[in-house]
Amino acid sequence: MQRRLTSLGEILFDFLPMEAGGEVTGFTMHPGGGPYNVAVGMARLGQPTAFVSKVGDDFFGRRLRRAVRAEGIADHFLATAHGPPTTLAFVATEDGEPVFTFYGDGAADTLLTPEDLPAAFYTETALLHFGGISLLRGSTPGAALSAAEGLRGRALISLDPNVRPAVIVNAPIYRATLERAIALCDLLKLSAADIEWLAPGVDILTYAADLLSHGPAMITVTRGGAGVLALRRGPGGVEQIEASSFRVQVSDTVGAGDSFSAGFLVALAERGALSRDAIESLPATEIQSALRFGAAVAAINCTRAGANPPTHAEVDMFLAENGR
């Protein structure tokens, strides 16, 4: 039996903009979805990877399954929903930031249920990563929480809420779902934008440090050009471990957070840190190295259009060239 790094959540087609004269004139189609992007990143970095979700039996769903297989990602936990469509997302840029329009109500990836998770999912998973818009709609939020509950103590549980305010219909229900998810996870990834929505006006570090008493053993906070920070509890209180960002020519930032997650999780896996105890006891220097690796994966992704994480060889070369 092969133990895998498993990502669970939305899978969809991103339609990325083509522009002429400063105006969007069309779109190109690319497989996407935060958890799917993380799975692609982990697979390209050389880890045995699986993906859990549902796709429609339409043209888009069949194309997405082929994309999963083409990346070397195990698809035996990727179910097919007969009838519901596959989620589509249109991405454009406003004021230098990506904006998203989703067409996914009642779509296949919102319909995952606990019954779709076979026994092999629980025995083969060494790490579970989940989050994104899959926590917003349908039965998938319940399936994700059930998966995390079933794996708690048996695998490292990683959560990235990746908050998308534009598609949040019922904020109280979503906040309650996130509260349960945070309580179940070992590793929580947040961005500065996530925290601004979750706790407007609250200091980023104060908020993240407080969350350590609500479930996670470690929290990472991505801050764009200001670098990335990890927080965990130590004998003397909350320990903060920082890594700087890399200066690159940015094409766009789509998938940057997902690429960081993939890189950081793979770096932990390479260090054998796939349990709560392991990330609590891993030396700070090793955590910092893992943060740098994740930051490098994100930086390379930002030099490319769309979510397009690098291979391990590309990251190794990038780190060598940047003296890290």
C-alpha atoms as a PDB file:
ATOM      1  CA  MET A   1       0.000   0.000   0.000  1.00  0.00           C
ATOM      2  CA  GLN A   2       1.311   3.425  -0.977  1.00  0.00           C
ATOM      3  CA  ARG A   3       0.684   6.288   1.431  1.00  0.00           C
ATOM      4  CA  ARG A   4      -0.185   9.468  -0.428  1.00  0.00           C
ATOM      5  CA  LEU A   5      -0.446  13.199   0.018  1.00  0.00           C
ATOM      6  CA  THR A   6      -4.138  13.746  -0.654  1.00  0.00           C
ATOM      7  CA  SER A   7      -5.956  16.955  -1.531  1.00  0.00           C
ATOM      8  CA  LEU A   8      -9.743  17.277  -1.311  1.00  0.00           C
ATOM      9  CA  GLY A   9     -11.993  19.959  -2.724  1.00  0.00           C
ATOM     10  CA  GLU A  10     -13.043  21.852  -5.810  1.00  0.00           C
ATOM     11  CA  ILE A  11     -11.905  21.036  -9.308  1.00  0.00           C
ATOM     12  CA  LEU A  12     -13.026  23.215 -12.183  1.00  0.00           C
ATOM     13  CA  PHE A  13     -12.013  24.967 -15.336  1.00  0.00           C
ATOM     14  CA  ASP A  14     -10.531  28.428 -14.950  1.00  0.00           C
ATOM     15  CA  PHE A  15     -11.150  30.614 -17.980  1.00  0.00           C
ATOM     16  CA  LEU A  16      -8.214  33.018 -17.997  1.00  0.00           C
ATOM     17  CA  PRO A  17      -8.494  36.355 -19.790  1.00  0.00           C
ATOM     18  CA  MET A  18      -6.984  37.314 -23.107  1.00  0.00           C
ATOM     19  CA  GLU A  19      -6.590  41.065 -23.450  1.00  0.00           C
ATOM     20  CA  ALA A  20      -6.125  43.533 -26.267  1.00  0.00           C
ATOM     21  CA  GLY A  21      -5.933  47.287 -25.860  1.00  0.00           C
ATOM     22  CA  GLY A  22      -6.466  46.960 -22.130  1.00  0.00           C
ATOM     23  CA  GLU A  23      -9.765  45.111 -22.579  1.00  0.00           C
ATOM     24  CA  VAL A  24     -10.650  41.439 -22.064  1.00  0.00           C
ATOM     25  CA  THR A  25     -11.401  39.992 -25.494  1.00  0.00           C
ATOM     26  CA  GLY A  26     -11.667  36.286 -24.671  1.00  0.00           C
ATOM     27  CA  PHE A  27     -10.632  33.478 -22.362  1.00  0.00           C
ATOM     28  CA  THR A  28      -8.428  30.389 -22.452  1.00  0.00           C
ATOM     29  CA  MET A  29      -9.411  27.233 -20.555  1.00  0.00           C
ATOM     30  CA  HIS A  30      -7.211  25.763 -17.809  1.00  0.00           C
ATOM     31  CA  PRO A  31      -7.865  23.120 -15.122  1.00  0.00           C
ATOM     32  CA  GLY A  32      -8.055  24.766 -11.710  1.00  0.00           C
ATOM     33  CA  GLY A  33      -9.487  24.952  -8.223  1.00  0.00           C
ATOM     34  CA  GLY A  34      -7.376  25.570  -5.121  1.00  0.00           C
ATOM     35  CA  PRO A  35      -7.177  21.984  -3.805  1.00  0.00           C
ATOM     36  CA  TYR A  36      -6.593  20.669  -7.333  1.00  0.00           C
ATOM     37  CA  ASN A  37      -3.763  23.171  -7.795  1.00  0.00           C
ATOM     38  CA  VAL A  38      -2.192  21.936  -4.546  1.00  0.00           C
ATOM     39  CA  ALA A  39      -2.427  18.339  -5.764  1.00  0.00           C
ATOM     40  CA  VAL A  40      -0.727  19.294  -9.044  1.00  0.00           C
ATOM     41  CA  GLY A  41       2.010  21.110  -7.153  1.00  0.00           C
ATOM     42  CA  MET A  42       2.690  18.166  -4.841  1.00  0.00           C
ATOM     43  CA  ALA A  43       2.735  15.700  -7.741  1.00  0.00           C
ATOM     44  CA  ARG A  44       5.119  17.840  -9.812  1.00  0.00           C
ATOM     45  CA  LEU A  45       7.411  18.020  -6.787  1.00  0.00           C
ATOM     46  CA  GLY A  46       7.701  14.249  -6.853  1.00  0.00           C
ATOM     47  CA  GLN A  47       5.315  13.097  -4.127  1.00  0.00           C
ATOM     48  CA  PRO A  48       2.761  10.284  -4.517  1.00  0.00           C
ATOM     49  CA  THR A  49      -0.459  12.278  -4.651  1.00  0.00           C
ATOM     50  CA  ALA A  50      -4.198  11.629  -4.766  1.00  0.00           C
ATOM     51  CA  PHE A  51      -7.146  13.923  -5.380  1.00  0.00           C
ATOM     52  CA  VAL A  52     -10.655  13.659  -3.927  1.00  0.00           C
ATOM     53  CA  SER A  53     -13.674  15.346  -5.498  1.00  0.00           C
ATOM     54  CA  LYS A  54     -16.478  14.862  -8.020  1.00  0.00           C
ATOM     55  CA  VAL A  55     -16.638  15.838 -11.671  1.00  0.00           C
ATOM     56  CA  GLY A  56     -19.565  15.852 -14.046  1.00  0.00           C
ATOM     57  CA  ASP A  57     -19.969  13.364 -16.870  1.00  0.00           C
ATOM     58  CA  ASP A  58     -19.917  16.280 -19.304  1.00  0.00           C
ATOM     59  CA  PHE A  59     -17.167  17.438 -21.665  1.00  0.00           C
ATOM     60  CA  PHE A  60     -15.508  19.509 -18.935  1.00  0.00           C
ATOM     61  CA  GLY A  61     -15.580  16.704 -16.361  1.00  0.00           C
ATOM     62  CA  ARG A  62     -13.997  14.217 -18.750  1.00  0.00           C
ATOM     63  CA  ARG A  63     -11.302  16.745 -19.626  1.00  0.00           C
ATOM     64  CA  LEU A  64     -10.591  17.358 -15.931  1.00  0.00           C
ATOM     65  CA  ARG A  65     -10.184  13.650 -15.186  1.00  0.00           C
ATOM     66  CA  ARG A  66      -7.707  13.388 -18.051  1.00  0.00           C
ATOM     67  CA  ALA A  67      -5.848  16.387 -16.621  1.00  0.00           C
ATOM     68  CA  VAL A  68      -5.622  14.711 -13.191  1.00  0.00           C
ATOM     69  CA  ARG A  69      -4.207  11.540 -14.719  1.00  0.00           C
ATOM     70  CA  ALA A  70      -1.808  13.471 -16.953  1.00  0.00           C
ATOM     71  CA  GLU A  71      -0.224  15.005 -13.824  1.00  0.00           C
ATOM     72  CA  GLY A  72       0.382  11.538 -12.354  1.00  0.00           C
ATOM     73  CA  ILE A  73      -2.218  12.123  -9.639  1.00  0.00           C
ATOM     74  CA  ALA A  74      -4.186   9.074  -8.474  1.00  0.00           C
ATOM     75  CA  ASP A  75      -7.834   9.539  -9.440  1.00  0.00           C
ATOM     76  CA  HIS A  76      -9.441   6.528  -7.750  1.00  0.00           C
ATOM     77  CA  PHE A  77     -11.036   8.862  -5.166  1.00  0.00           C
ATOM     78  CA  LEU A  78     -12.346  11.187  -7.911  1.00  0.00           C
ATOM     79  CA  ALA A  79     -16.012  10.297  -8.387  1.00  0.00           C
ATOM     80  CA  THR A  80     -18.284  11.071 -11.342  1.00  0.00           C
ATOM     81  CA  ALA A  81     -21.675  12.711 -10.834  1.00  0.00           C
ATOM     82  CA  HIS A  82     -24.147  11.780 -13.561  1.00  0.00           C
ATOM     83  CA  GLY A  83     -26.226  14.800 -14.479  1.00  0.00           C
ATOM     84  CA  PRO A  84     -24.811  17.778 -12.565  1.00  0.00           C
ATOM     85  CA  PRO A  85     -22.434  20.011 -14.525  1.00  0.00           C
ATOM     86  CA  THR A  86     -18.780  20.755 -13.837  1.00  0.00           C
ATOM     87  CA  THR A  87     -17.878  24.052 -12.150  1.00  0.00           C
ATOM     88  CA  LEU A  88     -16.550  26.841 -14.383  1.00  0.00           C
ATOM     89  CA  ALA A  89     -14.721  29.950 -13.131  1.00  0.00           C
ATOM     90  CA  PHE A  90     -13.859  33.052 -15.097  1.00  0.00           C
ATOM     91  CA  VAL A  91     -10.800  34.984 -13.937  1.00  0.00           C
ATOM     92  CA  ALA A  92     -10.055  38.588 -14.795  1.00  0.00           C
ATOM     93  CA  THR A  93      -7.889  41.319 -13.310  1.00  0.00           C
ATOM     94  CA  GLU A  94      -9.039  44.514 -11.635  1.00  0.00           C
ATOM     95  CA  ASP A  95      -6.672  47.003 -10.014  1.00  0.00           C
ATOM     96  CA  GLY A  96      -3.837  44.515 -10.383  1.00  0.00           C
ATOM     97  CA  GLU A  97      -5.609  41.734  -8.442  1.00  0.00           C
ATOM     98  CA  PRO A  98      -7.378  38.612  -9.749  1.00  0.00           C
ATOM     99  CA  VAL A  99     -11.181  38.619  -9.541  1.00  0.00           C
ATOM    100  CA  PHE A 100     -13.276  35.479  -9.925  1.00  0.00           C
ATOM    101  CA  THR A 101     -16.768  34.746 -11.258  1.00  0.00           C
ATOM    102  CA  PHE A 102     -17.978  31.222 -10.511  1.00  0.00           C
ATOM    103  CA  TYR A 103     -20.676  29.158 -12.230  1.00  0.00           C
ATOM    104  CA  GLY A 104     -20.983  26.264  -9.834  1.00  0.00           C
ATOM    105  CA  ASP A 105     -24.297  26.123  -7.953  1.00  0.00           C
ATOM    106  CA  GLY A 106     -25.371  22.472  -7.892  1.00  0.00           C
ATOM    107  CA  ALA A 107     -22.205  21.453  -9.743  1.00  0.00           C
ATOM    108  CA  ALA A 108     -20.550  18.070  -9.354  1.00  0.00           C
ATOM    109  CA  ASP A 109     -17.736  19.136  -7.033  1.00  0.00           C
ATOM    110  CA  THR A 110     -20.264  20.533  -4.521  1.00  0.00           C
ATOM    111  CA  LEU A 111     -21.928  17.112  -4.167  1.00  0.00           C
ATOM    112  CA  LEU A 112     -19.232  15.000  -2.484  1.00  0.00           C
ATOM    113  CA  THR A 113     -20.615  12.968   0.434  1.00  0.00           C
ATOM    114  CA  PRO A 114     -18.961  10.961   3.228  1.00  0.00           C
ATOM    115  CA  GLU A 115     -20.214   7.830   1.470  1.00  0.00           C
ATOM    116  CA  ASP A 116     -18.010   8.740  -1.516  1.00  0.00           C
ATOM    117  CA  LEU A 117     -14.912   8.215   0.657  1.00  0.00           C
ATOM    118  CA  PRO A 118     -13.944   4.520   0.559  1.00  0.00           C
ATOM    119  CA  ALA A 119     -12.004   2.724   3.269  1.00  0.00           C
ATOM    120  CA  ALA A 120      -8.873   2.944   1.103  1.00  0.00           C
ATOM    121  CA  PHE A 121      -8.980   6.738   1.400  1.00  0.00           C
ATOM    122  CA  TYR A 122      -8.390   6.464   5.145  1.00  0.00           C
ATOM    123  CA  THR A 123      -5.655   3.838   4.891  1.00  0.00           C
ATOM    124  CA  GLU A 124      -3.742   5.396   1.977  1.00  0.00           C
ATOM    125  CA  THR A 125      -3.727   9.030   3.129  1.00  0.00           C
ATOM    126  CA  ALA A 126      -0.623  10.256   4.965  1.00  0.00           C
ATOM    127  CA  LEU A 127      -1.610  13.912   4.627  1.00  0.00           C
ATOM    128  CA  LEU A 128      -4.969  15.510   3.913  1.00  0.00           C
ATOM    129  CA  HIS A 129      -5.169  19.033   2.528  1.00  0.00           C
ATOM    130  CA  PHE A 130      -8.572  20.685   2.115  1.00  0.00           C
ATOM    131  CA  GLY A 131     -10.305  24.070   1.989  1.00  0.00           C
ATOM    132  CA  GLY A 132     -11.145  26.661  -0.641  1.00  0.00           C
ATOM    133  CA  ILE A 133     -14.622  27.245  -2.036  1.00  0.00           C
ATOM    134  CA  SER A 134     -15.411  23.554  -1.493  1.00  0.00           C
ATOM    135  CA  LEU A 135     -16.352  24.576   2.078  1.00  0.00           C
ATOM    136  CA  LEU A 136     -19.123  26.857   0.823  1.00  0.00           C
ATOM    137  CA  ARG A 137     -21.791  24.852  -0.961  1.00  0.00           C
ATOM    138  CA  GLY A 138     -23.696  21.592  -1.162  1.00  0.00           C
ATOM    139  CA  SER A 139     -22.723  18.421   0.686  1.00  0.00           C
ATOM    140  CA  THR A 140     -18.971  18.768   0.086  1.00  0.00           C
ATOM    141  CA  PRO A 141     -18.311  20.814   3.272  1.00  0.00           C
ATOM    142  CA  GLY A 142     -19.769  17.986   5.364  1.00  0.00           C
ATOM    143  CA  ALA A 143     -17.743  15.398   3.447  1.00  0.00           C
ATOM    144  CA  ALA A 144     -14.555  17.403   3.979  1.00  0.00           C
ATOM    145  CA  LEU A 145     -15.163  17.693   7.716  1.00  0.00           C
ATOM    146  CA  SER A 146     -15.990  13.983   7.900  1.00  0.00           C
ATOM    147  CA  ALA A 147     -12.726  13.163   6.115  1.00  0.00           C
ATOM    148  CA  ALA A 148     -10.743  15.327   8.523  1.00  0.00           C
ATOM    149  CA  GLU A 149     -12.468  13.764  11.525  1.00  0.00           C
ATOM    150  CA  GLY A 150     -11.777  10.259  10.244  1.00  0.00           C
ATOM    151  CA  LEU A 151      -8.089  10.982   9.633  1.00  0.00           C
ATOM    152  CA  ARG A 152      -7.413  13.024  12.778  1.00  0.00           C
ATOM    153  CA  GLY A 153      -4.466  11.462  14.577  1.00  0.00           C
ATOM    154  CA  ARG A 154      -3.782   9.149  11.621  1.00  0.00           C
ATOM    155  CA  ALA A 155      -2.573  11.720   9.059  1.00  0.00           C
ATOM    156  CA  LEU A 156      -1.428  15.339   9.027  1.00  0.00           C
ATOM    157  CA  ILE A 157      -4.467  17.558   8.437  1.00  0.00           C
ATOM    158  CA  SER A 158      -3.799  20.760   6.445  1.00  0.00           C
ATOM    159  CA  LEU A 159      -6.389  23.502   5.891  1.00  0.00           C
ATOM    160  CA  ASP A 160      -6.326  26.549   3.605  1.00  0.00           C
ATOM    161  CA  PRO A 161      -9.638  28.471   3.801  1.00  0.00           C
ATOM    162  CA  ASN A 162      -8.614  30.620   0.791  1.00  0.00           C
ATOM    163  CA  VAL A 163     -11.530  32.946   1.541  1.00  0.00           C
ATOM    164  CA  ARG A 164     -13.387  34.258  -1.522  1.00  0.00           C
ATOM    165  CA  PRO A 165     -15.784  36.955  -0.220  1.00  0.00           C
ATOM    166  CA  ALA A 166     -17.446  37.412  -3.626  1.00  0.00           C
ATOM    167  CA  VAL A 167     -18.935  33.897  -3.547  1.00  0.00           C
ATOM    168  CA  ILE A 168     -19.911  33.721   0.138  1.00  0.00           C
ATOM    169  CA  VAL A 169     -23.713  33.684   0.258  1.00  0.00           C
ATOM    170  CA  ASN A 170     -24.297  32.836   3.935  1.00  0.00           C
ATOM    171  CA  ALA A 171     -21.441  34.196   6.025  1.00  0.00           C
ATOM    172  CA  PRO A 172     -22.640  32.809   9.424  1.00  0.00           C
ATOM    173  CA  ILE A 173     -22.874  29.232   8.093  1.00  0.00           C
ATOM    174  CA  TYR A 174     -19.499  29.583   6.370  1.00  0.00           C
ATOM    175  CA  ARG A 175     -17.884  30.927   9.543  1.00  0.00           C
ATOM    176  CA  ALA A 176     -19.323  27.996  11.509  1.00  0.00           C
ATOM    177  CA  THR A 177     -17.904  25.551   8.935  1.00  0.00           C
ATOM    178  CA  LEU A 178     -14.491  27.224   9.141  1.00  0.00           C
ATOM    179  CA  GLU A 179     -14.589  27.083  12.934  1.00  0.00           C
ATOM    180  CA  ARG A 180     -15.109  23.320  12.817  1.00  0.00           C
ATOM    181  CA  ALA A 181     -12.442  22.882  10.130  1.00  0.00           C
ATOM    182  CA  ILE A 182      -9.897  24.934  12.083  1.00  0.00           C
ATOM    183  CA  ALA A 183     -10.571  22.866  15.202  1.00  0.00           C
ATOM    184  CA  LEU A 184      -9.841  19.683  13.228  1.00  0.00           C
ATOM    185  CA  CYS A 185      -6.670  20.752  11.419  1.00  0.00           C
ATOM    186  CA  ASP A 186      -3.043  20.387  12.486  1.00  0.00           C
ATOM    187  CA  LEU A 187      -1.678  22.919  10.014  1.00  0.00           C
ATOM    188  CA  LEU A 188      -3.555  26.079   9.045  1.00  0.00           C
ATOM    189  CA  LYS A 189      -2.507  28.311   6.150  1.00  0.00           C
ATOM    190  CA  LEU A 190      -3.843  31.873   6.063  1.00  0.00           C
ATOM    191  CA  SER A 191      -3.168  34.898   3.892  1.00  0.00           C
ATOM    192  CA  ALA A 192      -3.308  38.488   5.059  1.00  0.00           C
ATOM    193  CA  ALA A 193      -6.474  38.858   2.942  1.00  0.00           C
ATOM    194  CA  ASP A 194      -8.073  35.849   4.664  1.00  0.00           C
ATOM    195  CA  ILE A 195      -7.457  37.402   8.070  1.00  0.00           C
ATOM    196  CA  GLU A 196      -8.818  40.767   6.960  1.00  0.00           C
ATOM    197  CA  TRP A 197     -12.143  39.075   6.133  1.00  0.00           C
ATOM    198  CA  LEU A 198     -12.169  36.766   9.160  1.00  0.00           C
ATOM    199  CA  ALA A 199     -11.227  39.469  11.677  1.00  0.00           C
ATOM    200  CA  PRO A 200     -11.375  42.962  10.138  1.00  0.00           C
ATOM    201  CA  GLY A 201      -9.018  45.427  11.750  1.00  0.00           C
ATOM    202  CA  VAL A 202      -7.339  42.851  14.001  1.00  0.00           C
ATOM    203  CA  ASP A 203      -3.555  42.613  13.916  1.00  0.00           C
ATOM    204  CA  ILE A 204      -2.503  39.681  11.719  1.00  0.00           C
ATOM    205  CA  LEU A 205      -0.078  38.159  14.195  1.00  0.00           C
ATOM    206  CA  THR A 206      -2.395  38.643  17.162  1.00  0.00           C
ATOM    207  CA  TYR A 207      -5.219  36.875  15.351  1.00  0.00           C
ATOM    208  CA  ALA A 208      -3.037  33.998  14.141  1.00  0.00           C
ATOM    209  CA  ALA A 209      -1.455  33.467  17.559  1.00  0.00           C
ATOM    210  CA  ASP A 210      -4.885  33.350  19.192  1.00  0.00           C
ATOM    211  CA  LEU A 211      -6.006  30.637  16.750  1.00  0.00           C
ATOM    212  CA  LEU A 212      -3.270  28.322  18.053  1.00  0.00           C
ATOM    213  CA  SER A 213      -5.483  27.663  21.075  1.00  0.00           C
ATOM    214  CA  HIS A 214      -8.385  26.606  18.836  1.00  0.00           C
ATOM    215  CA  GLY A 215      -6.937  23.527  17.150  1.00  0.00           C
ATOM    216  CA  PRO A 216      -3.933  24.002  14.846  1.00  0.00           C
ATOM    217  CA  ALA A 217      -0.453  22.994  15.971  1.00  0.00           C
ATOM    218  CA  MET A 218       1.068  25.403  13.433  1.00  0.00           C
ATOM    219  CA  ILE A 219      -0.199  28.350  11.411  1.00  0.00           C
ATOM    220  CA  THR A 220       1.498  29.790   8.345  1.00  0.00           C
ATOM    221  CA  VAL A 221       0.679  33.316   7.198  1.00  0.00           C
ATOM    222  CA  THR A 222       1.560  34.389   3.659  1.00  0.00           C
ATOM    223  CA  ARG A 223       2.108  38.136   3.286  1.00  0.00           C
ATOM    224  CA  GLY A 224       3.034  38.622  -0.369  1.00  0.00           C
ATOM    225  CA  GLY A 225       6.247  40.591  -0.734  1.00  0.00           C
ATOM    226  CA  ALA A 226       6.625  40.736   3.052  1.00  0.00           C
ATOM    227  CA  GLY A 227       7.379  37.014   3.161  1.00  0.00           C
ATOM    228  CA  VAL A 228       5.846  34.124   5.049  1.00  0.00           C
ATOM    229  CA  LEU A 229       5.581  33.414   8.753  1.00  0.00           C
ATOM    230  CA  ALA A 230       4.971  30.248  10.775  1.00  0.00           C
ATOM    231  CA  LEU A 231       3.658  30.294  14.327  1.00  0.00           C
ATOM    232  CA  ARG A 232       3.529  27.454  16.836  1.00  0.00           C
ATOM    233  CA  ARG A 233       3.465  27.143  20.586  1.00  0.00           C
ATOM    234  CA  GLY A 234       6.783  26.568  22.326  1.00  0.00           C
ATOM    235  CA  PRO A 235       8.005  26.359  25.924  1.00  0.00           C
ATOM    236  CA  GLY A 236       8.370  30.137  26.069  1.00  0.00           C
ATOM    237  CA  GLY A 237       5.080  30.996  24.371  1.00  0.00           C
ATOM    238  CA  VAL A 238       4.280  31.486  20.689  1.00  0.00           C
ATOM    239  CA  GLU A 239       7.302  30.850  18.475  1.00  0.00           C
ATOM    240  CA  GLN A 240       7.543  32.846  15.230  1.00  0.00           C
ATOM    241  CA  ILE A 241       9.623  31.597  12.308  1.00  0.00           C
ATOM    242  CA  GLU A 242      10.004  33.821   9.242  1.00  0.00           C
ATOM    243  CA  ALA A 243      11.224  33.420   5.679  1.00  0.00           C
ATOM    244  CA  SER A 244      11.579  36.229   3.175  1.00  0.00           C
ATOM    245  CA  SER A 245       9.955  36.291  -0.238  1.00  0.00           C
ATOM    246  CA  PHE A 246      11.785  36.225  -3.572  1.00  0.00           C
ATOM    247  CA  ARG A 247      11.932  39.112  -6.021  1.00  0.00           C
ATOM    248  CA  VAL A 248      10.676  37.949  -9.423  1.00  0.00           C
ATOM    249  CA  GLN A 249       9.043  39.426 -12.508  1.00  0.00           C
ATOM    250  CA  VAL A 250       5.369  38.745 -11.771  1.00  0.00           C
ATOM    251  CA  SER A 251       3.100  37.565 -14.584  1.00  0.00           C
ATOM    252  CA  ASP A 252       0.133  37.145 -12.235  1.00  0.00           C
ATOM    253  CA  THR A 253      -0.579  35.803  -8.745  1.00  0.00           C
ATOM    254  CA  VAL A 254      -3.218  33.194  -9.597  1.00  0.00           C
ATOM    255  CA  GLY A 255      -2.350  29.988  -7.726  1.00  0.00           C
ATOM    256  CA  ALA A 256       0.456  31.540  -5.679  1.00  0.00           C
ATOM    257  CA  GLY A 257      -1.045  30.514  -2.341  1.00  0.00           C
ATOM    258  CA  ASP A 258      -1.787  27.013  -3.616  1.00  0.00           C
ATOM    259  CA  SER A 259       1.782  26.688  -4.886  1.00  0.00           C
ATOM    260  CA  PHE A 260       3.134  27.780  -1.507  1.00  0.00           C
ATOM    261  CA  SER A 261       0.971  25.159   0.209  1.00  0.00           C
ATOM    262  CA  ALA A 262       2.176  22.438  -2.167  1.00  0.00           C
ATOM    263  CA  GLY A 263       5.812  23.388  -1.643  1.00  0.00           C
ATOM    264  CA  PHE A 264       5.568  23.676   2.133  1.00  0.00           C
ATOM    265  CA  LEU A 265       3.695  20.379   2.483  1.00  0.00           C
ATOM    266  CA  VAL A 266       6.175  18.556   0.251  1.00  0.00           C
ATOM    267  CA  ALA A 267       9.061  20.028   2.251  1.00  0.00           C
ATOM    268  CA  LEU A 268       7.459  18.687   5.429  1.00  0.00           C
ATOM    269  CA  ALA A 269       6.943  15.282   3.799  1.00  0.00           C
ATOM    270  CA  GLU A 270      10.598  15.169   2.735  1.00  0.00           C
ATOM    271  CA  ARG A 271      11.512  15.757   6.387  1.00  0.00           C
ATOM    272  CA  GLY A 272       9.193  12.984   7.592  1.00  0.00           C
ATOM    273  CA  ALA A 273       7.001  15.555   9.365  1.00  0.00           C
ATOM    274  CA  LEU A 274       3.585  14.146   8.540  1.00  0.00           C
ATOM    275  CA  SER A 275       2.065  14.134  12.003  1.00  0.00           C
ATOM    276  CA  ARG A 276       1.052  16.710  14.576  1.00  0.00           C
ATOM    277  CA  ASP A 277       3.842  15.630  16.917  1.00  0.00           C
ATOM    278  CA  ALA A 278       6.386  15.907  14.101  1.00  0.00           C
ATOM    279  CA  ILE A 279       5.551  19.502  13.163  1.00  0.00           C
ATOM    280  CA  GLU A 280       5.498  20.477  16.823  1.00  0.00           C
ATOM    281  CA  SER A 281       8.996  19.090  17.380  1.00  0.00           C
ATOM    282  CA  LEU A 282      10.670  19.868  14.022  1.00  0.00           C
ATOM    283  CA  PRO A 283      13.634  22.234  14.588  1.00  0.00           C
ATOM    284  CA  ALA A 284      12.957  25.866  13.737  1.00  0.00           C
ATOM    285  CA  THR A 285      15.739  25.810  11.138  1.00  0.00           C
ATOM    286  CA  GLU A 286      13.952  22.999   9.308  1.00  0.00           C
ATOM    287  CA  ILE A 287      10.647  24.879   9.441  1.00  0.00           C
ATOM    288  CA  GLN A 288      12.367  27.937   8.003  1.00  0.00           C
ATOM    289  CA  SER A 289      13.879  25.860   5.188  1.00  0.00           C
ATOM    290  CA  ALA A 290      10.437  24.425   4.422  1.00  0.00           C
ATOM    291  CA  LEU A 291       8.970  27.939   4.354  1.00  0.00           C
ATOM    292  CA  ARG A 292      11.685  29.070   1.929  1.00  0.00           C
ATOM    293  CA  PHE A 293      10.995  26.094  -0.295  1.00  0.00           C
ATOM    294  CA  GLY A 294       7.278  26.914  -0.326  1.00  0.00           C
ATOM    295  CA  ALA A 295       8.044  30.573  -1.044  1.00  0.00           C
ATOM    296  CA  ALA A 296      10.257  29.547  -3.966  1.00  0.00           C
ATOM    297  CA  VAL A 297       7.511  27.363  -5.437  1.00  0.00           C
ATOM    298  CA  ALA A 298       5.083  30.303  -5.165  1.00  0.00           C
ATOM    299  CA  ALA A 299       7.581  32.748  -6.682  1.00  0.00           C
ATOM    300  CA  ILE A 300       8.164  30.551  -9.730  1.00  0.00           C
ATOM    301  CA  ASN A 301       4.407  30.139 -10.179  1.00  0.00           C
ATOM    302  CA  CYS A 302       4.028  33.930 -10.186  1.00  0.00           C
ATOM    303  CA  THR A 303       6.348  34.229 -13.177  1.00  0.00           C
ATOM    304  CA  ARG A 304       3.852  32.236 -15.246  1.00  0.00           C
ATOM    305  CA  ALA A 305       0.291  32.825 -16.414  1.00  0.00           C
ATOM    306  CA  GLY A 306      -2.289  31.093 -14.247  1.00  0.00           C
ATOM    307  CA  ALA A 307      -1.705  28.358 -11.703  1.00  0.00           C
ATOM    308  CA  ASN A 308       1.318  26.489 -13.051  1.00  0.00           C
ATOM    309  CA  PRO A 309       3.521  25.173 -10.224  1.00  0.00           C
ATOM    310  CA  PRO A 310       7.094  24.057 -10.950  1.00  0.00           C
ATOM    311  CA  THR A 311       8.887  20.741 -10.775  1.00  0.00           C
ATOM    312  CA  HIS A 312      11.390  19.912  -8.043  1.00  0.00           C
ATOM    313  CA  ALA A 313      14.283  20.380 -10.457  1.00  0.00           C
ATOM    314  CA  GLU A 314      13.043  23.878 -11.309  1.00  0.00           C
ATOM    315  CA  VAL A 315      12.794  24.792  -7.633  1.00  0.00           C
ATOM    316  CA  ASP A 316      16.262  23.419  -6.892  1.00  0.00           C
ATOM    317  CA  MET A 317      17.733  25.484  -9.727  1.00  0.00           C
ATOM    318  CA  PHE A 318      15.832  28.594  -8.602  1.00  0.00           C
ATOM    319  CA  LEU A 319      17.099  28.242  -5.034  1.00  0.00           C
ATOM    320  CA  ALA A 320      20.657  27.686  -6.232  1.00  0.00           C
ATOM    321  CA  GLU A 321      20.485  30.815  -8.402  1.00  0.00           C
ATOM    322  CA  ASN A 322      19.050  32.858  -5.543  1.00  0.00           C
ATOM    323  CA  GLY A 323      21.603  31.712  -2.975  1.00  0.00           C
ATOM    324  CA  ARG A 324      19.155  29.895  -0.721  1.00  0.00           C
END
